Amino acid sequence: MQQKPAGWAVSAAPVDYDAAVAAMEARVAAIHRGEAGELIWLLEHPALYTAGTSADASDLREPEKFPVYRSGRGGEYTYHGPGQRVAYVMMDLRERGRDARQFVNNLEDWIIGALDRFNVKGEKRCDRIGVWVDRTAMGGPPREDKIAAIGIRLRRWISFHGIALNVEPDLSHFGGIVPCGITNPSFGVTSLTDLGLPVTMDDADFALKSAFVEIFGGVEDEAPPV
């Protein structure tokens, strides 16, 4: 049976974190009841930190720097803020194979496909979730930088939370945490603009949309829930 297109919504203004989580919770419940379809929701948040279910309090280096939110997603501490494209994925894995590991793999492939539109080689690492850029291969110092984070939760096989792609955020804001608990100095954080690419948020959205269709199937535009 052909998969029904997922909704695709983009919020023009920054969305408060608590409001976004409440909207996701409501949509996930509606999807489970069969009252709503899947939704991919693209947005930006005001500057903040979130702590996933595996977060270590010692990884919060500057607790007064930005608001800190406890999050139900997997993972550790991460930063969200202006210039970072967050994509919340509310998808029905009952219709997509009930395979959480494959779903995360597909999310990574989605980001890699979007980066490929800008001739950036995004890579997976078996011991580190997310998408990475090998700066050494680009003629830089011997290091790997994360360009996109992934943190999801499943409730009765409906996904929520999602991905965060660094388009042009202030990378110094990551200094208030140990991003994803990774302390190795050979691993850092980067963005498309940090790589020297003058990519706008609209450019990133277009790349994400076209890459999503290749991995997950069709989408149809929808108004954002907030």
Protein backbone atom coordinates (compact mmCIF):
# COMPACT_ATOMS: atom_id res chain seq x y z
CA MET A 1 0.00 0.00 0.00
CA GLN A 2 1.36 3.41 -0.98
CA GLN A 3 2.37 5.66 1.93
CA LYS A 4 0.22 8.75 2.33
CA PRO A 5 2.26 11.98 1.97
CA ALA A 6 3.49 13.40 5.25
CA GLY A 7 2.57 16.94 6.20
CA TRP A 8 5.37 19.48 5.78
CA ALA A 9 5.15 22.64 7.91
CA VAL A 10 7.59 25.53 8.35
CA SER A 11 7.32 28.11 11.15
CA ALA A 12 8.53 31.54 10.10
CA ALA A 13 9.12 32.87 13.63
CA PRO A 14 11.04 31.22 16.49
CA VAL A 15 8.91 28.82 18.51
CA ASP A 16 9.05 28.51 22.31
CA TYR A 17 10.33 25.08 23.34
CA ASP A 18 7.48 24.22 25.71
CA ALA A 19 4.92 25.21 23.08
CA ALA A 20 6.65 23.03 20.49
CA VAL A 21 6.72 20.01 22.80
CA ALA A 22 3.03 20.47 23.67
CA ALA A 23 2.16 20.64 19.96
CA MET A 24 4.18 17.51 19.25
CA GLU A 25 2.54 15.64 22.10
CA ALA A 26 -0.89 16.54 20.76
CA ARG A 27 -0.02 15.53 17.21
CA VAL A 28 1.51 12.21 18.26
CA ALA A 29 -1.66 11.36 20.17
CA ALA A 30 -3.80 12.29 17.18
CA ILE A 31 -1.68 10.18 14.81
CA HIS A 32 -2.01 7.20 17.14
CA ARG A 33 -5.80 7.61 17.22
CA GLY A 34 -5.90 7.83 13.44
CA GLU A 35 -7.17 11.42 13.56
CA ALA A 36 -4.15 13.07 11.92
CA GLY A 37 -1.40 12.23 9.48
CA GLU A 38 2.35 12.36 9.84
CA LEU A 39 4.02 15.74 10.15
CA ILE A 40 7.51 17.10 9.55
CA TRP A 41 7.75 20.48 11.29
CA LEU A 42 10.66 22.80 10.54
CA LEU A 43 11.40 25.63 12.97
CA GLU A 44 13.95 27.58 14.95
CA HIS A 45 14.03 27.95 18.72
CA PRO A 46 15.29 30.86 20.81
CA ALA A 47 18.71 30.08 22.28
CA LEU A 48 18.38 27.24 24.81
CA TYR A 49 19.84 23.96 25.98
CA THR A 50 17.96 20.67 26.20
CA ALA A 51 18.91 17.66 28.28
CA GLY A 52 18.02 14.26 26.85
CA THR A 53 17.30 11.14 28.86
CA SER A 54 21.02 10.27 29.10
CA ALA A 55 22.26 13.76 30.05
CA ASP A 56 25.00 14.01 32.70
CA ALA A 57 24.66 17.13 34.87
CA SER A 58 28.43 17.68 34.74
CA ASP A 59 28.15 18.26 30.99
CA LEU A 60 26.24 21.49 31.59
CA ARG A 61 29.20 23.86 31.82
CA GLU A 62 27.32 27.18 31.97
CA PRO A 63 23.89 26.55 33.52
CA GLU A 64 23.05 30.28 33.60
CA LYS A 65 23.91 30.96 29.96
CA PHE A 66 20.55 29.96 28.46
CA PRO A 67 17.34 28.31 29.68
CA VAL A 68 17.71 24.56 30.17
CA TYR A 69 14.85 22.18 29.38
CA ARG A 70 14.56 18.54 30.33
CA SER A 71 13.61 16.65 27.19
CA GLY A 72 12.04 13.25 26.67
CA ARG A 73 14.19 12.58 23.62
CA GLY A 74 17.14 10.23 23.65
CA GLY A 75 20.67 11.57 23.97
CA GLU A 76 22.47 14.06 26.17
CA TYR A 77 22.80 17.86 26.14
CA THR A 78 22.38 19.84 22.97
CA TYR A 79 21.92 23.45 21.93
CA HIS A 80 19.11 24.95 19.89
CA GLY A 81 19.00 28.52 18.69
CA PRO A 82 18.73 30.97 15.80
CA GLY A 83 20.44 29.78 12.65
CA GLN A 84 19.84 26.13 13.42
CA ARG A 85 17.12 24.29 11.54
CA VAL A 86 15.23 21.96 13.82
CA ALA A 87 13.01 19.41 12.10
CA TYR A 88 10.56 17.59 14.36
CA VAL A 89 9.47 14.30 12.83
CA MET A 90 6.11 12.91 13.87
CA MET A 91 5.97 9.70 11.87
CA ASP A 92 4.02 6.48 12.18
CA LEU A 93 6.45 3.58 12.35
CA ARG A 94 3.50 1.17 12.50
CA GLU A 95 3.28 1.92 8.78
CA ARG A 96 7.04 2.14 8.25
CA GLY A 97 8.37 -1.17 9.52
CA ARG A 98 8.52 -0.83 13.33
CA ASP A 99 12.32 -0.74 13.18
CA ALA A 100 13.74 2.03 15.38
CA ARG A 101 17.35 1.45 14.37
CA GLN A 102 16.52 1.61 10.67
CA PHE A 103 14.48 4.74 11.27
CA VAL A 104 17.47 6.52 12.85
CA ASN A 105 19.62 5.29 9.97
CA ASN A 106 17.11 6.78 7.54
CA LEU A 107 17.15 10.10 9.40
CA GLU A 108 20.94 10.19 9.06
CA ASP A 109 20.64 9.37 5.35
CA TRP A 110 18.13 12.21 5.01
CA ILE A 111 20.59 14.73 6.45
CA ILE A 112 23.45 13.34 4.37
CA GLY A 113 21.31 13.69 1.25
CA ALA A 114 20.49 17.31 2.10
CA LEU A 115 24.17 18.13 2.69
CA ASP A 116 25.04 16.54 -0.63
CA ARG A 117 23.03 19.30 -2.33
CA PHE A 118 25.74 21.70 -1.09
CA ASN A 119 28.62 19.37 -1.99
CA VAL A 120 29.25 18.66 1.68
CA LYS A 121 30.10 15.06 2.52
CA GLY A 122 28.18 14.14 5.65
CA GLU A 123 29.20 10.88 7.30
CA LYS A 124 27.88 8.45 9.91
CA ARG A 125 29.91 7.04 12.75
CA CYS A 126 29.07 3.70 14.35
CA ASP A 127 30.02 4.97 17.83
CA ARG A 128 28.54 8.47 17.53
CA ILE A 129 25.00 9.31 16.49
CA GLY A 130 24.38 12.24 14.19
CA VAL A 131 26.10 13.40 11.01
CA TRP A 132 29.75 14.39 10.88
CA VAL A 133 32.13 16.24 8.57
CA ASP A 134 35.74 15.11 8.28
CA ARG A 135 37.71 18.37 8.33
CA THR A 136 40.96 16.50 7.67
CA ALA A 137 39.64 15.28 4.33
CA MET A 138 38.77 18.90 3.49
CA GLY A 139 42.35 20.02 4.05
CA GLY A 140 41.78 21.17 7.62
CA PRO A 141 43.20 20.06 10.96
CA PRO A 142 42.86 16.40 12.06
CA ARG A 143 39.35 16.60 13.47
CA GLU A 144 35.74 15.66 12.83
CA ASP A 145 32.90 18.10 13.46
CA LYS A 146 29.24 17.35 14.00
CA ILE A 147 26.99 19.30 11.67
CA ALA A 148 23.66 17.72 12.61
CA ALA A 149 22.30 16.07 15.75
CA ILE A 150 19.56 13.46 16.08
CA GLY A 151 17.42 12.83 19.13
CA ILE A 152 14.08 11.05 18.87
CA ARG A 153 11.53 9.36 21.05
CA LEU A 154 8.99 6.71 20.13
CA ARG A 155 5.60 6.44 21.79
CA ARG A 156 3.50 3.48 20.68
CA TRP A 157 5.57 3.50 17.46
CA ILE A 158 4.92 7.18 16.72
CA SER A 159 8.11 9.26 16.57
CA PHE A 160 8.66 12.76 17.84
CA HIS A 161 11.54 15.17 18.47
CA GLY A 162 13.94 14.81 15.54
CA ILE A 163 17.00 16.43 13.97
CA ALA A 164 18.91 19.70 14.24
CA LEU A 165 21.00 20.91 11.29
CA ASN A 166 23.51 23.70 11.88
CA VAL A 167 23.00 26.21 9.08
CA GLU A 168 24.43 29.43 10.57
CA PRO A 169 24.11 29.34 14.38
CA ASP A 170 26.54 31.05 16.75
CA LEU A 171 28.84 28.09 17.38
CA SER A 172 30.23 29.67 20.54
CA HIS A 173 26.88 28.88 22.19
CA PHE A 174 27.80 25.19 22.14
CA GLY A 175 30.55 26.06 24.62
CA GLY A 176 28.09 26.13 27.51
CA ILE A 177 27.65 22.35 27.29
CA VAL A 178 29.54 19.24 26.36
CA PRO A 179 27.59 18.59 23.14
CA CYS A 180 26.17 15.08 23.20
CA GLY A 181 28.62 14.21 25.99
CA ILE A 182 31.61 14.09 23.63
CA THR A 183 34.75 15.47 25.28
CA ASN A 184 37.40 14.29 22.80
CA PRO A 185 39.14 17.46 21.49
CA SER A 186 39.35 15.88 18.04
CA PHE A 187 35.55 16.19 17.76
CA GLY A 188 33.85 19.56 17.45
CA VAL A 189 30.80 21.30 16.02
CA THR A 190 30.43 22.99 12.65
CA SER A 191 27.79 24.56 10.40
CA LEU A 192 27.27 25.16 6.72
CA THR A 193 28.45 28.76 7.01
CA ASP A 194 31.42 27.67 9.13
CA LEU A 195 32.40 25.47 6.18
CA GLY A 196 32.41 28.59 4.01
CA LEU A 197 29.02 28.08 2.37
CA PRO A 198 26.65 31.11 2.24
CA VAL A 199 23.56 28.94 2.74
CA THR A 200 20.29 30.59 3.79
CA MET A 201 17.61 28.89 5.84
CA ASP A 202 15.41 28.77 2.75
CA ASP A 203 18.23 26.99 0.89
CA ALA A 204 18.53 24.46 3.72
CA ASP A 205 14.78 23.90 3.79
CA PHE A 206 14.69 23.22 0.06
CA ALA A 207 17.53 20.71 0.38
CA LEU A 208 15.90 19.00 3.37
CA LYS A 209 12.58 18.72 1.57
CA SER A 210 13.95 17.21 -1.61
CA ALA A 211 16.19 14.78 0.30
CA PHE A 212 13.30 13.76 2.57
CA VAL A 213 11.17 12.78 -0.42
CA GLU A 214 13.95 10.52 -1.69
CA ILE A 215 14.22 8.66 1.63
CA PHE A 216 10.70 8.67 3.06
CA GLY A 217 8.29 9.48 0.22
CA GLY A 218 6.05 12.37 -0.67
CA VAL A 219 5.04 15.39 1.38
CA GLU A 220 2.30 17.98 1.21
CA ASP A 221 2.46 21.48 2.66
CA GLU A 222 0.59 22.09 5.91
CA ALA A 223 0.20 24.97 8.33
CA PRO A 224 2.49 24.72 11.39
CA PRO A 225 0.78 23.65 14.60
CA VAL A 226 2.11 26.71 16.48
